[in-house]
Protein backbone atom coordinates (compact mmCIF):
# COMPACT_ATOMS: atom_id res chain seq x y z
CA MET A 1 -10.41 -3.83 -19.17
CA ILE A 2 -8.09 -6.14 -17.23
CA VAL A 3 -4.63 -6.31 -18.82
CA CYS A 4 -2.54 -9.44 -18.23
CA LYS A 5 1.22 -9.06 -18.39
CA SER A 6 3.63 -11.16 -20.43
CA SER A 7 6.76 -12.69 -18.92
CA GLU A 8 8.80 -9.84 -20.44
CA GLU A 9 6.49 -7.25 -18.92
CA LEU A 10 6.76 -8.94 -15.53
CA ILE A 11 10.54 -8.58 -15.68
CA ARG A 12 10.08 -4.82 -16.04
CA MET A 13 7.50 -4.73 -13.28
CA ARG A 14 9.80 -6.62 -10.92
CA ALA A 15 12.48 -4.00 -11.52
CA ALA A 16 10.12 -1.09 -10.84
CA ASN A 17 8.69 -2.68 -7.73
CA GLN A 18 12.07 -3.59 -6.29
CA ILE A 19 13.02 0.08 -6.41
CA VAL A 20 9.89 0.81 -4.38
CA ALA A 21 10.76 -1.95 -1.90
CA SER A 22 14.31 -0.70 -1.44
CA VAL A 23 13.18 2.90 -0.89
CA LEU A 24 10.58 1.84 1.66
CA ASP A 25 13.18 -0.17 3.55
CA GLU A 26 15.32 2.96 3.81
CA LEU A 27 12.36 5.10 4.89
CA ARG A 28 11.43 2.58 7.57
CA MET A 29 14.87 3.02 9.14
CA MET A 30 14.76 6.82 8.81
CA ALA A 31 11.32 7.23 10.37
CA LEU A 32 12.41 8.30 13.86
CA PRO A 33 11.24 11.03 16.24
CA GLY A 34 12.29 14.47 14.99
CA ILE A 35 12.42 13.81 11.25
CA SER A 36 9.93 15.64 9.04
CA THR A 37 7.83 14.03 6.35
CA ALA A 38 9.31 16.60 3.94
CA GLU A 39 12.75 15.11 4.62
CA LEU A 40 11.40 11.64 3.92
CA ASP A 41 9.86 12.92 0.69
CA ALA A 42 13.21 14.38 -0.40
CA THR A 43 14.83 11.00 0.19
CA VAL A 44 12.22 9.28 -1.98
CA GLU A 45 12.76 11.79 -4.79
CA ALA A 46 16.54 11.34 -4.65
CA ARG A 47 16.61 7.55 -4.40
CA VAL A 48 14.05 6.98 -7.13
CA ARG A 49 15.87 9.24 -9.58
CA GLU A 50 19.24 7.71 -8.65
CA ALA A 51 17.74 4.36 -9.67
CA GLY A 52 16.83 5.75 -13.08
CA ALA A 53 13.10 5.85 -12.35
CA THR A 54 10.51 8.61 -11.98
CA PRO A 55 8.41 9.25 -8.85
CA ALA A 56 4.94 8.06 -9.82
CA PHE A 57 2.89 10.20 -7.49
CA LYS A 58 4.48 13.60 -8.09
CA GLY A 59 2.22 15.46 -10.50
CA TYR A 60 -0.29 12.59 -10.66
CA ARG A 61 -3.64 14.40 -10.86
CA GLY A 62 -1.82 17.35 -9.32
CA PHE A 63 -0.37 15.60 -6.26
CA PRO A 64 2.63 17.72 -5.18
CA SER A 65 5.05 15.15 -3.73
CA SER A 66 6.89 11.90 -4.40
CA LEU A 67 5.73 10.34 -1.12
CA CYS A 68 2.32 9.98 0.49
CA ALA A 69 2.90 10.36 4.25
CA SER A 70 -0.19 9.93 6.43
CA ILE A 71 0.16 10.44 10.20
CA ASN A 72 -2.10 8.99 12.91
CA GLU A 73 -5.74 9.69 11.91
CA GLU A 74 -4.67 10.40 8.32
CA VAL A 75 -5.66 7.38 6.23
CA VAL A 76 -3.98 7.90 2.84
CA HIS A 77 -2.68 10.61 0.48
CA GLY A 78 -1.10 12.76 3.17
CA ILE A 79 1.08 15.52 1.72
CA PRO A 80 4.63 15.71 3.17
CA SER A 81 5.38 18.88 5.13
CA PRO A 82 7.83 20.32 7.67
CA ARG A 83 5.78 18.60 10.39
CA LYS A 84 8.13 16.47 12.47
CA LEU A 85 7.26 12.97 13.57
CA LEU A 86 6.85 12.52 17.32
CA ALA A 87 7.33 9.50 19.55
CA GLY A 88 3.97 7.75 19.75
CA ASP A 89 2.93 8.63 16.18
CA ILE A 90 2.26 6.12 13.45
CA VAL A 91 2.88 7.08 9.83
CA SER A 92 1.88 5.42 6.57
CA LEU A 93 4.56 5.72 3.88
CA ASP A 94 3.32 5.08 0.33
CA VAL A 95 5.77 5.08 -2.59
CA GLY A 96 5.22 4.66 -6.32
CA VAL A 97 7.67 4.69 -9.23
CA LEU A 98 7.61 4.55 -13.01
CA LEU A 99 10.43 2.65 -14.72
CA ASP A 100 10.64 1.77 -18.41
CA GLY A 101 6.91 2.34 -18.81
CA TYR A 102 5.76 0.24 -15.84
CA TYR A 103 4.64 1.20 -12.36
CA GLY A 104 5.52 -0.05 -8.90
CA ASP A 105 3.50 0.72 -5.77
CA SER A 106 3.76 -0.26 -2.11
CA ALA A 107 3.11 1.10 1.37
CA LEU A 108 3.78 0.33 5.01
CA THR A 109 2.89 1.95 8.33
CA VAL A 110 5.66 2.59 10.83
CA ALA A 111 5.53 3.12 14.60
CA ILE A 112 7.56 6.14 15.70
CA GLY A 113 9.32 5.26 18.94
CA THR A 114 7.09 3.61 21.53
CA VAL A 115 3.40 3.64 20.60
CA SER A 116 0.26 2.57 22.43
CA ASP A 117 -0.75 -1.07 22.68
CA GLU A 118 -3.79 -0.28 20.53
CA ALA A 119 -1.63 1.26 17.81
CA THR A 120 0.70 -1.74 17.92
CA GLN A 121 -2.27 -4.08 17.48
CA LEU A 122 -3.62 -1.96 14.62
CA LEU A 123 -0.34 -2.25 12.72
CA ARG A 124 -0.13 -5.98 13.37
CA VAL A 125 -3.70 -6.69 12.28
CA THR A 126 -3.43 -4.55 9.14
CA ARG A 127 -0.21 -6.26 8.06
CA GLU A 128 -1.75 -9.67 8.78
CA ALA A 129 -4.81 -8.70 6.72
CA LEU A 130 -2.52 -7.86 3.79
CA ASP A 131 -0.78 -11.22 4.10
CA LEU A 132 -4.12 -13.05 4.26
CA GLY A 133 -5.33 -11.21 1.18
CA VAL A 134 -2.17 -12.11 -0.71
CA ASP A 135 -2.62 -15.72 0.38
CA ARG A 136 -5.94 -15.83 -1.50
CA ILE A 137 -4.29 -14.92 -4.79
CA ARG A 138 -4.13 -17.89 -7.11
CA VAL A 139 -5.36 -18.77 -10.59
CA GLY A 140 -9.11 -19.42 -10.49
CA SER A 141 -9.87 -17.46 -7.34
CA ARG A 142 -12.07 -14.39 -7.55
CA VAL A 143 -11.22 -10.82 -6.62
CA SER A 144 -13.72 -10.82 -3.75
CA ASP A 145 -11.95 -13.79 -2.15
CA ILE A 146 -9.11 -11.36 -1.42
CA SER A 147 -11.56 -8.74 -0.17
CA HIS A 148 -13.38 -11.16 2.11
CA ALA A 149 -10.21 -12.48 3.72
CA ILE A 150 -9.08 -8.95 4.58
CA GLN A 151 -12.45 -7.86 5.97
CA CYS A 152 -12.92 -10.98 8.09
CA HIS A 153 -9.55 -10.65 9.80
CA VAL A 154 -9.89 -6.93 10.44
CA GLU A 155 -13.39 -7.12 11.87
CA ALA A 156 -12.62 -10.21 13.95
CA ASN A 157 -10.04 -8.05 15.72
CA GLY A 158 -12.49 -5.22 16.39
CA PHE A 159 -11.29 -2.79 13.73
CA SER A 160 -12.94 -1.53 10.51
CA VAL A 161 -11.93 -1.43 6.84
CA VAL A 162 -12.08 1.79 4.86
CA ARG A 163 -14.52 1.50 1.97
CA GLU A 164 -13.92 4.72 0.03
CA PHE A 165 -10.48 3.60 -1.19
CA VAL A 166 -9.59 0.25 -2.75
CA GLY A 167 -6.76 -1.78 -4.21
CA HIS A 168 -6.31 -1.97 -7.97
CA GLY A 169 -4.64 -3.51 -10.95
CA ILE A 170 -1.33 -1.96 -11.98
CA GLY A 171 0.97 -2.05 -15.00
CA THR A 172 1.50 0.61 -17.66
CA GLN A 173 -1.02 2.66 -15.69
CA LEU A 174 -0.80 3.32 -11.97
CA HIS A 175 -4.45 2.39 -11.52
CA GLU A 176 -5.87 -0.34 -13.76
CA GLU A 177 -8.79 -2.73 -13.55
CA PRO A 178 -9.86 -4.58 -11.49
CA GLN A 179 -10.72 -2.61 -8.38
CA ILE A 180 -10.04 -4.64 -5.23
CA PRO A 181 -12.15 -3.56 -2.24
CA ASN A 182 -11.10 -4.56 1.26
CA TYR A 183 -14.57 -5.91 2.01
CA GLY A 184 -17.16 -8.14 0.37
CA GLU A 185 -18.60 -11.61 0.04
CA PRO A 186 -16.37 -14.36 -1.40
CA GLY A 187 -16.82 -15.87 -4.84
CA ARG A 188 -17.63 -12.64 -6.68
CA GLY A 189 -15.91 -10.43 -9.22
CA PRO A 190 -13.44 -11.34 -11.96
CA ARG A 191 -11.53 -14.60 -11.78
CA LEU A 192 -7.78 -14.31 -11.31
CA VAL A 193 -5.71 -15.45 -14.26
CA GLU A 194 -2.01 -15.77 -14.88
CA GLY A 195 -0.38 -12.45 -15.72
CA MET A 196 -2.64 -10.22 -13.67
CA VAL A 197 -0.77 -7.80 -11.39
CA LEU A 198 -2.63 -6.44 -8.38
CA ALA A 199 -1.96 -3.82 -5.73
CA ILE A 200 -3.49 -5.14 -2.51
CA GLU A 201 -3.81 -2.42 0.14
CA PRO A 202 -5.92 -2.76 3.29
CA MET A 203 -6.64 0.56 5.01
CA VAL A 204 -7.83 -0.11 8.54
CA ASN A 205 -9.27 2.18 11.22
CA ILE A 206 -9.40 1.62 14.96
CA GLY A 207 -12.81 3.31 15.03
CA LYS A 208 -15.51 3.67 12.41
CA PRO A 209 -14.72 3.08 8.71
CA THR A 210 -15.84 6.47 7.41
CA VAL A 211 -13.36 9.08 6.19
CA ARG A 212 -13.35 12.64 4.90
CA VAL A 213 -10.93 14.58 2.72
CA LEU A 214 -9.26 17.73 4.07
CA ASP A 215 -9.27 21.11 2.36
CA ASP A 216 -5.99 20.28 0.60
CA GLN A 217 -8.17 17.99 -1.56
CA TRP A 218 -5.85 15.04 -0.93
CA THR A 219 -5.41 14.02 2.70
CA ALA A 220 -8.08 11.54 3.80
CA VAL A 221 -8.67 11.32 7.56
CA THR A 222 -10.91 9.22 9.77
CA ARG A 223 -14.15 11.06 10.54
CA ASP A 224 -14.00 10.09 14.21
CA GLY A 225 -10.31 10.98 14.62
CA SER A 226 -9.25 7.39 15.30
CA LEU A 227 -5.90 5.98 14.19
CA SER A 228 -5.58 4.39 10.75
CA ALA A 229 -3.00 2.06 9.21
CA HIS A 230 -2.19 1.15 5.59
CA PHE A 231 -0.07 -1.63 4.12
CA GLU A 232 0.27 -2.44 0.42
CA HIS A 233 2.04 -4.93 -1.82
CA THR A 234 2.05 -5.30 -5.59
CA VAL A 235 1.51 -8.96 -6.44
CA ALA A 236 1.71 -10.92 -9.69
CA VAL A 237 -0.54 -13.90 -10.37
CA THR A 238 1.65 -16.71 -11.73
CA SER A 239 0.68 -20.20 -12.87
CA SER A 240 1.42 -21.71 -9.46
CA SER A 241 1.66 -18.91 -6.91
CA ALA A 242 1.30 -15.27 -5.95
CA GLU A 243 4.61 -13.46 -6.38
CA VAL A 244 5.03 -10.38 -4.19
CA LEU A 245 6.91 -7.95 -6.42
CA THR A 246 7.42 -5.39 -3.63
CA GLN A 247 9.00 -7.81 -1.16
CA ARG A 248 11.36 -5.69 0.92
CA PRO A 249 14.94 -6.82 1.59
CA SER A 250 14.21 -6.75 5.34
CA ASP A 251 11.23 -9.12 4.97
CA SER A 252 11.24 -12.87 4.64
CA PRO A 253 10.14 -14.07 1.18
CA THR A 254 6.38 -14.16 0.62
CA VAL A 255 5.30 -16.58 -2.08
CA THR A 256 2.05 -18.47 -1.71
CA ALA A 257 1.37 -21.79 -3.33
């Protein structure tokens, strides 16, 4: 069942998602050669609790950490470790929080030092695909309009969208209806109505779209070993626009009419 949020609930969701945005902004600056993903995870844990919130991922279905950190060919759900980031790596940083009964969720992929031209293009195209998906969010559109916009942009640039993992509704549960694939024909699926809150998250591979899960039962990697990128925003459907609840302080405002 799709749950629409009241204006009071949206106030709470803005607060939760702004904590996520602030933490991700700090992580983006910290993600330099020589730092470990375990150190980044410790920062997430500390900052979220300092803000009076709870890390959403830690303990969720047994996940052991507050941060999902996925390096290079790792697509999503990477478990932080003492592994240090190296110049030339890319790393997806995915943060979720629970505040006053409501969830926030967002992700970005960061280049560590100087990366290859192909990696730079992958990050650019994935972020653009997210923005194009968000731009399709308005009252009366359908879920697959978002999906189609993402897929078209990714494939036009020679990359592929992961199909095993999808975006989702979010609110009092971390994962709510509807599911939001990053592929599909337009004009299908539920219509968007005011009060829906959606986590839009393209996961894009340089190579083929297929993935596999490692023995840790969490980390998803590309089957062909190619690089993967992941960007995510939580977005509210309002009467006149799409409001990005996880807009980071370092970003320019993103509100679509």
